Amino acid sequence: VVLESPYTNIRDAAANIPITKIYR
């Protein structure tokens, strides 16, 4: 299995992606 630009789980990804920064 090769994982390119992975995250731990979708909740962590959504909480950390830059686009959500202003809304956090």
PDB file of all heavy atoms in Angstrom:
ATOM      1  N   VAL A   1       0.868  -1.172   0.000  1.00  0.00           N
ATOM      2  CA  VAL A   1       0.000   0.000   0.000  1.00  0.00           C
ATOM      3  C   VAL A   1       0.907   1.225   0.000  1.00  0.00           C
ATOM      4  O   VAL A   1       1.830   1.326   0.803  1.00  0.00           O
ATOM      5  CB  VAL A   1      -0.933   0.029   1.236  1.00  0.00           C
ATOM      6  CG1 VAL A   1      -1.726   1.327   1.288  1.00  0.00           C
ATOM      7  CG2 VAL A   1      -1.882  -1.169   1.235  1.00  0.00           C
ATOM      8  N   VAL A   2       0.636   2.137  -0.929  1.00  0.00           N
ATOM      9  CA  VAL A   2       1.361   3.405  -1.013  1.00  0.00           C
ATOM     10  C   VAL A   2       0.353   4.515  -0.741  1.00  0.00           C
ATOM     11  O   VAL A   2      -0.694   4.572  -1.391  1.00  0.00           O
ATOM     12  CB  VAL A   2       2.017   3.611  -2.398  1.00  0.00           C
ATOM     13  CG1 VAL A   2       2.729   4.960  -2.460  1.00  0.00           C
ATOM     14  CG2 VAL A   2       2.961   2.473  -2.733  1.00  0.00           C
ATOM     15  N   LEU A   3       0.672   5.350   0.217  1.00  0.00           N
ATOM     16  CA  LEU A   3      -0.211   6.456   0.588  1.00  0.00           C
ATOM     17  C   LEU A   3       0.498   7.773   0.308  1.00  0.00           C
ATOM     18  O   LEU A   3       1.527   8.072   0.893  1.00  0.00           O
ATOM     19  CB  LEU A   3      -0.584   6.356   2.073  1.00  0.00           C
ATOM     20  CG  LEU A   3      -1.230   5.042   2.508  1.00  0.00           C
ATOM     21  CD1 LEU A   3      -1.481   5.047   4.012  1.00  0.00           C
ATOM     22  CD2 LEU A   3      -2.517   4.787   1.739  1.00  0.00           C
ATOM     23  N   GLU A   4      -0.065   8.532  -0.599  1.00  0.00           N
ATOM     24  CA  GLU A   4       0.516   9.807  -1.018  1.00  0.00           C
ATOM     25  C   GLU A   4      -0.330  10.949  -0.451  1.00  0.00           C
ATOM     26  O   GLU A   4      -1.522  11.028  -0.725  1.00  0.00           O
ATOM     27  CB  GLU A   4       0.542   9.861  -2.552  1.00  0.00           C
ATOM     28  CG  GLU A   4       1.099  11.117  -3.126  1.00  0.00           C
ATOM     29  CD  GLU A   4       1.019  11.145  -4.648  1.00  0.00           C
ATOM     30  OE1 GLU A   4       0.739  10.100  -5.271  1.00  0.00           O
ATOM     31  OE2 GLU A   4       1.228  12.232  -5.208  1.00  0.00           O
ATOM     32  N   SER A   5       0.280  11.788   0.349  1.00  0.00           N
ATOM     33  CA  SER A   5      -0.404  12.909   1.003  1.00  0.00           C
ATOM     34  C   SER A   5      -1.564  12.422   1.869  1.00  0.00           C
ATOM     35  O   SER A   5      -2.696  12.875   1.739  1.00  0.00           O
ATOM     36  CB  SER A   5      -0.919  13.920  -0.032  1.00  0.00           C
ATOM     37  OG  SER A   5       0.124  14.401  -0.834  1.00  0.00           O
ATOM     38  N   PRO A   6      -1.281  11.488   2.796  1.00  0.00           N
ATOM     39  CA  PRO A   6      -2.361  10.918   3.603  1.00  0.00           C
ATOM     40  C   PRO A   6      -2.685  11.733   4.851  1.00  0.00           C
ATOM     41  O   PRO A   6      -1.961  12.651   5.232  1.00  0.00           O
ATOM     42  CB  PRO A   6      -1.785   9.559   4.014  1.00  0.00           C
ATOM     43  CG  PRO A   6      -0.331   9.852   4.197  1.00  0.00           C
ATOM     44  CD  PRO A   6       0.005  10.850   3.102  1.00  0.00           C
ATOM     45  N   TYR A   7      -3.765  11.339   5.466  1.00  0.00           N
ATOM     46  CA  TYR A   7      -4.222  11.919   6.723  1.00  0.00           C
ATOM     47  C   TYR A   7      -4.510  10.754   7.669  1.00  0.00           C
ATOM     48  O   TYR A   7      -4.501   9.593   7.266  1.00  0.00           O
ATOM     49  CB  TYR A   7      -5.502  12.744   6.493  1.00  0.00           C
ATOM     50  CG  TYR A   7      -6.524  11.976   5.690  1.00  0.00           C
ATOM     51  CD1 TYR A   7      -7.456  11.156   6.317  1.00  0.00           C
ATOM     52  CD2 TYR A   7      -6.529  12.021   4.293  1.00  0.00           C
ATOM     53  CE1 TYR A   7      -8.365  10.406   5.592  1.00  0.00           C
ATOM     54  CE2 TYR A   7      -7.431  11.281   3.559  1.00  0.00           C
ATOM     55  CZ  TYR A   7      -8.349  10.479   4.213  1.00  0.00           C
ATOM     56  OH  TYR A   7      -9.241   9.732   3.485  1.00  0.00           O
ATOM     57  N   THR A   8      -4.764  11.047   8.921  1.00  0.00           N
ATOM     58  CA  THR A   8      -5.046   9.997   9.897  1.00  0.00           C
ATOM     59  C   THR A   8      -6.481   9.502   9.768  1.00  0.00           C
ATOM     60  O   THR A   8      -6.731   8.307   9.688  1.00  0.00           O
ATOM     61  CB  THR A   8      -4.812  10.529  11.320  1.00  0.00           C
ATOM     62  OG1 THR A   8      -5.484  11.780  11.458  1.00  0.00           O
ATOM     63  CG2 THR A   8      -3.334  10.702  11.599  1.00  0.00           C
ATOM     64  N   ASN A   9      -7.418  10.419   9.746  1.00  0.00           N
ATOM     65  CA  ASN A   9      -8.836  10.119   9.543  1.00  0.00           C
ATOM     66  C   ASN A   9      -9.480  11.393   9.004  1.00  0.00           C
ATOM     67  O   ASN A   9      -8.896  12.473   9.095  1.00  0.00           O
ATOM     68  CB  ASN A   9      -9.507   9.621  10.836  1.00  0.00           C
ATOM     69  CG  ASN A   9      -9.401  10.611  11.959  1.00  0.00           C
ATOM     70  OD1 ASN A   9      -9.974  11.699  11.898  1.00  0.00           O
ATOM     71  ND2 ASN A   9      -8.628  10.267  12.988  1.00  0.00           N
ATOM     72  N   ILE A  10     -10.661  11.267   8.463  1.00  0.00           N
ATOM     73  CA  ILE A  10     -11.266  12.405   7.764  1.00  0.00           C
ATOM     74  C   ILE A  10     -11.588  13.562   8.718  1.00  0.00           C
ATOM     75  O   ILE A  10     -11.514  14.721   8.341  1.00  0.00           O
ATOM     76  CB  ILE A  10     -12.502  11.974   6.939  1.00  0.00           C
ATOM     77  CG1 ILE A  10     -12.810  12.991   5.843  1.00  0.00           C
ATOM     78  CG2 ILE A  10     -13.702  11.744   7.818  1.00  0.00           C
ATOM     79  CD1 ILE A  10     -11.807  13.030   4.733  1.00  0.00           C
ATOM     80  N   ARG A  11     -11.910  13.251   9.963  1.00  0.00           N
ATOM     81  CA  ARG A  11     -12.192  14.321  10.932  1.00  0.00           C
ATOM     82  C   ARG A  11     -10.930  15.153  11.181  1.00  0.00           C
ATOM     83  O   ARG A  11     -10.981  16.387  11.175  1.00  0.00           O
ATOM     84  CB  ARG A  11     -12.726  13.740  12.231  1.00  0.00           C
ATOM     85  CG  ARG A  11     -13.124  14.816  13.239  1.00  0.00           C
ATOM     86  CD  ARG A  11     -13.634  14.192  14.546  1.00  0.00           C
ATOM     87  NE  ARG A  11     -13.942  15.215  15.507  1.00  0.00           N
ATOM     88  CZ  ARG A  11     -15.118  15.814  15.645  1.00  0.00           C
ATOM     89  NH1 ARG A  11     -16.125  15.458  14.869  1.00  0.00           N
ATOM     90  NH2 ARG A  11     -15.306  16.748  16.552  1.00  0.00           N
ATOM     91  N   ASP A  12      -9.786  14.487  11.392  1.00  0.00           N
ATOM     92  CA  ASP A  12      -8.529  15.210  11.576  1.00  0.00           C
ATOM     93  C   ASP A  12      -8.179  16.026  10.337  1.00  0.00           C
ATOM     94  O   ASP A  12      -7.707  17.159  10.443  1.00  0.00           O
ATOM     95  CB  ASP A  12      -7.376  14.247  11.864  1.00  0.00           C
ATOM     96  CG  ASP A  12      -7.409  13.680  13.265  1.00  0.00           C
ATOM     97  OD1 ASP A  12      -8.215  14.134  14.106  1.00  0.00           O
ATOM     98  OD2 ASP A  12      -6.606  12.749  13.525  1.00  0.00           O
ATOM     99  N   ALA A  13      -8.407  15.439   9.175  1.00  0.00           N
ATOM    100  CA  ALA A  13      -8.092  16.153   7.932  1.00  0.00           C
ATOM    101  C   ALA A  13      -8.939  17.418   7.814  1.00  0.00           C
ATOM    102  O   ALA A  13      -8.412  18.501   7.543  1.00  0.00           O
ATOM    103  CB  ALA A  13      -8.314  15.242   6.727  1.00  0.00           C
ATOM    104  N   ALA A  14     -10.238  17.289   8.042  1.00  0.00           N
ATOM    105  CA  ALA A  14     -11.127  18.453   7.935  1.00  0.00           C
ATOM    106  C   ALA A  14     -10.785  19.517   8.975  1.00  0.00           C
ATOM    107  O   ALA A  14     -10.895  20.711   8.710  1.00  0.00           O
ATOM    108  CB  ALA A  14     -12.581  18.008   8.077  1.00  0.00           C
ATOM    109  N   ALA A  15     -10.364  19.078  10.152  1.00  0.00           N
ATOM    110  CA  ALA A  15     -10.022  20.030  11.213  1.00  0.00           C
ATOM    111  C   ALA A  15      -8.709  20.747  10.938  1.00  0.00           C
ATOM    112  O   ALA A  15      -8.455  21.807  11.514  1.00  0.00           O
ATOM    113  CB  ALA A  15      -9.938  19.301  12.556  1.00  0.00           C
ATOM    114  N   ASN A  16      -7.873  20.186  10.061  1.00  0.00           N
ATOM    115  CA  ASN A  16      -6.535  20.740   9.842  1.00  0.00           C
ATOM    116  C   ASN A  16      -6.284  21.321   8.462  1.00  0.00           C
ATOM    117  O   ASN A  16      -5.249  21.947   8.257  1.00  0.00           O
ATOM    118  CB  ASN A  16      -5.483  19.660  10.117  1.00  0.00           C
ATOM    119  CG  ASN A  16      -5.306  19.426  11.589  1.00  0.00           C
ATOM    120  OD1 ASN A  16      -4.648  20.188  12.270  1.00  0.00           O
ATOM    121  ND2 ASN A  16      -5.934  18.377  12.095  1.00  0.00           N
ATOM    122  N   ILE A  17      -7.179  21.103   7.520  1.00  0.00           N
ATOM    123  CA  ILE A  17      -6.906  21.659   6.197  1.00  0.00           C
ATOM    124  C   ILE A  17      -7.013  23.181   6.252  1.00  0.00           C
ATOM    125  O   ILE A  17      -7.849  23.734   6.969  1.00  0.00           O
ATOM    126  CB  ILE A  17      -7.817  21.060   5.096  1.00  0.00           C
ATOM    127  CG1 ILE A  17      -9.299  21.307   5.392  1.00  0.00           C
ATOM    128  CG2 ILE A  17      -7.538  19.597   4.889  1.00  0.00           C
ATOM    129  CD1 ILE A  17     -10.217  20.885   4.271  1.00  0.00           C
ATOM    130  N   PRO A  18      -6.146  23.860   5.552  1.00  0.00           N
ATOM    131  CA  PRO A  18      -6.089  25.321   5.639  1.00  0.00           C
ATOM    132  C   PRO A  18      -7.409  26.031   5.329  1.00  0.00           C
ATOM    133  O   PRO A  18      -7.697  27.063   5.925  1.00  0.00           O
ATOM    134  CB  PRO A  18      -5.008  25.691   4.613  1.00  0.00           C
ATOM    135  CG  PRO A  18      -4.131  24.497   4.569  1.00  0.00           C
ATOM    136  CD  PRO A  18      -5.057  23.315   4.747  1.00  0.00           C
ATOM    137  N   ILE A  19      -8.215  25.480   4.459  1.00  0.00           N
ATOM    138  CA  ILE A  19      -9.454  26.159   4.080  1.00  0.00           C
ATOM    139  C   ILE A  19     -10.416  26.315   5.260  1.00  0.00           C
ATOM    140  O   ILE A  19     -11.244  27.212   5.291  1.00  0.00           O
ATOM    141  CB  ILE A  19     -10.135  25.452   2.882  1.00  0.00           C
ATOM    142  CG1 ILE A  19     -11.131  26.374   2.222  1.00  0.00           C
ATOM    143  CG2 ILE A  19     -10.779  24.156   3.313  1.00  0.00           C
ATOM    144  CD1 ILE A  19     -11.620  25.887   0.882  1.00  0.00           C
ATOM    145  N   THR A  20     -10.287  25.459   6.266  1.00  0.00           N
ATOM    146  CA  THR A  20     -11.179  25.553   7.427  1.00  0.00           C
ATOM    147  C   THR A  20     -10.626  26.453   8.524  1.00  0.00           C
ATOM    148  O   THR A  20     -11.297  26.679   9.527  1.00  0.00           O
ATOM    149  CB  THR A  20     -11.468  24.157   8.033  1.00  0.00           C
ATOM    150  OG1 THR A  20     -10.247  23.594   8.529  1.00  0.00           O
ATOM    151  CG2 THR A  20     -12.124  23.232   7.031  1.00  0.00           C
ATOM    152  N   LYS A  21      -9.433  26.977   8.343  1.00  0.00           N
ATOM    153  CA  LYS A  21      -8.772  27.752   9.401  1.00  0.00           C
ATOM    154  C   LYS A  21      -9.641  28.898   9.910  1.00  0.00           C
ATOM    155  O   LYS A  21      -9.784  29.089  11.110  1.00  0.00           O
ATOM    156  CB  LYS A  21      -7.423  28.279   8.906  1.00  0.00           C
ATOM    157  CG  LYS A  21      -6.617  28.949   9.983  1.00  0.00           C
ATOM    158  CD  LYS A  21      -5.247  29.341   9.494  1.00  0.00           C
ATOM    159  CE  LYS A  21      -4.431  29.897  10.648  1.00  0.00           C
ATOM    160  NZ  LYS A  21      -3.088  30.219  10.252  1.00  0.00           N
ATOM    161  N   ILE A  22     -10.227  29.637   9.031  1.00  0.00           N
ATOM    162  CA  ILE A  22     -11.028  30.786   9.436  1.00  0.00           C
ATOM    163  C   ILE A  22     -12.279  30.358  10.215  1.00  0.00           C
ATOM    164  O   ILE A  22     -12.749  31.062  11.100  1.00  0.00           O
ATOM    165  CB  ILE A  22     -11.400  31.671   8.226  1.00  0.00           C
ATOM    166  CG1 ILE A  22     -11.961  33.007   8.709  1.00  0.00           C
ATOM    167  CG2 ILE A  22     -12.358  30.959   7.307  1.00  0.00           C
ATOM    168  CD1 ILE A  22     -12.079  34.045   7.621  1.00  0.00           C
ATOM    169  N   TYR A  23     -12.800  29.187   9.901  1.00  0.00           N
ATOM    170  CA  TYR A  23     -14.047  28.733  10.527  1.00  0.00           C
ATOM    171  C   TYR A  23     -13.832  28.057  11.877  1.00  0.00           C
ATOM    172  O   TYR A  23     -14.770  27.936  12.659  1.00  0.00           O
ATOM    173  CB  TYR A  23     -14.782  27.774   9.593  1.00  0.00           C
ATOM    174  CG  TYR A  23     -15.103  28.403   8.273  1.00  0.00           C
ATOM    175  CD1 TYR A  23     -14.400  28.053   7.128  1.00  0.00           C
ATOM    176  CD2 TYR A  23     -16.107  29.367   8.167  1.00  0.00           C
ATOM    177  CE1 TYR A  23     -14.680  28.653   5.904  1.00  0.00           C
ATOM    178  CE2 TYR A  23     -16.390  29.975   6.952  1.00  0.00           C
ATOM    179  CZ  TYR A  23     -15.676  29.613   5.827  1.00  0.00           C
ATOM    180  OH  TYR A  23     -15.955  30.218   4.636  1.00  0.00           O
ATOM    181  N   ARG A  24     -12.618  27.607  12.152  1.00  0.00           N
ATOM    182  CA  ARG A  24     -12.337  26.879  13.392  1.00  0.00           C
ATOM    183  C   ARG A  24     -12.620  27.701  14.640  1.00  0.00           C
ATOM    184  O   ARG A  24     -12.915  27.151  15.687  1.00  0.00           O
ATOM    185  CB  ARG A  24     -10.877  26.419  13.420  1.00  0.00           C
ATOM    186  CG  ARG A  24     -10.576  25.347  12.416  1.00  0.00           C
ATOM    187  CD  ARG A  24      -9.116  24.940  12.488  1.00  0.00           C
ATOM    188  NE  ARG A  24      -8.662  24.639  11.134  1.00  0.00           N
ATOM    189  CZ  ARG A  24      -7.436  24.780  10.699  1.00  0.00           C
ATOM    190  NH1 ARG A  24      -6.482  25.194  11.499  1.00  0.00           N
ATOM    191  NH2 ARG A  24      -7.132  24.489   9.457  1.00  0.00           N
TER     192      ARG A  24
END
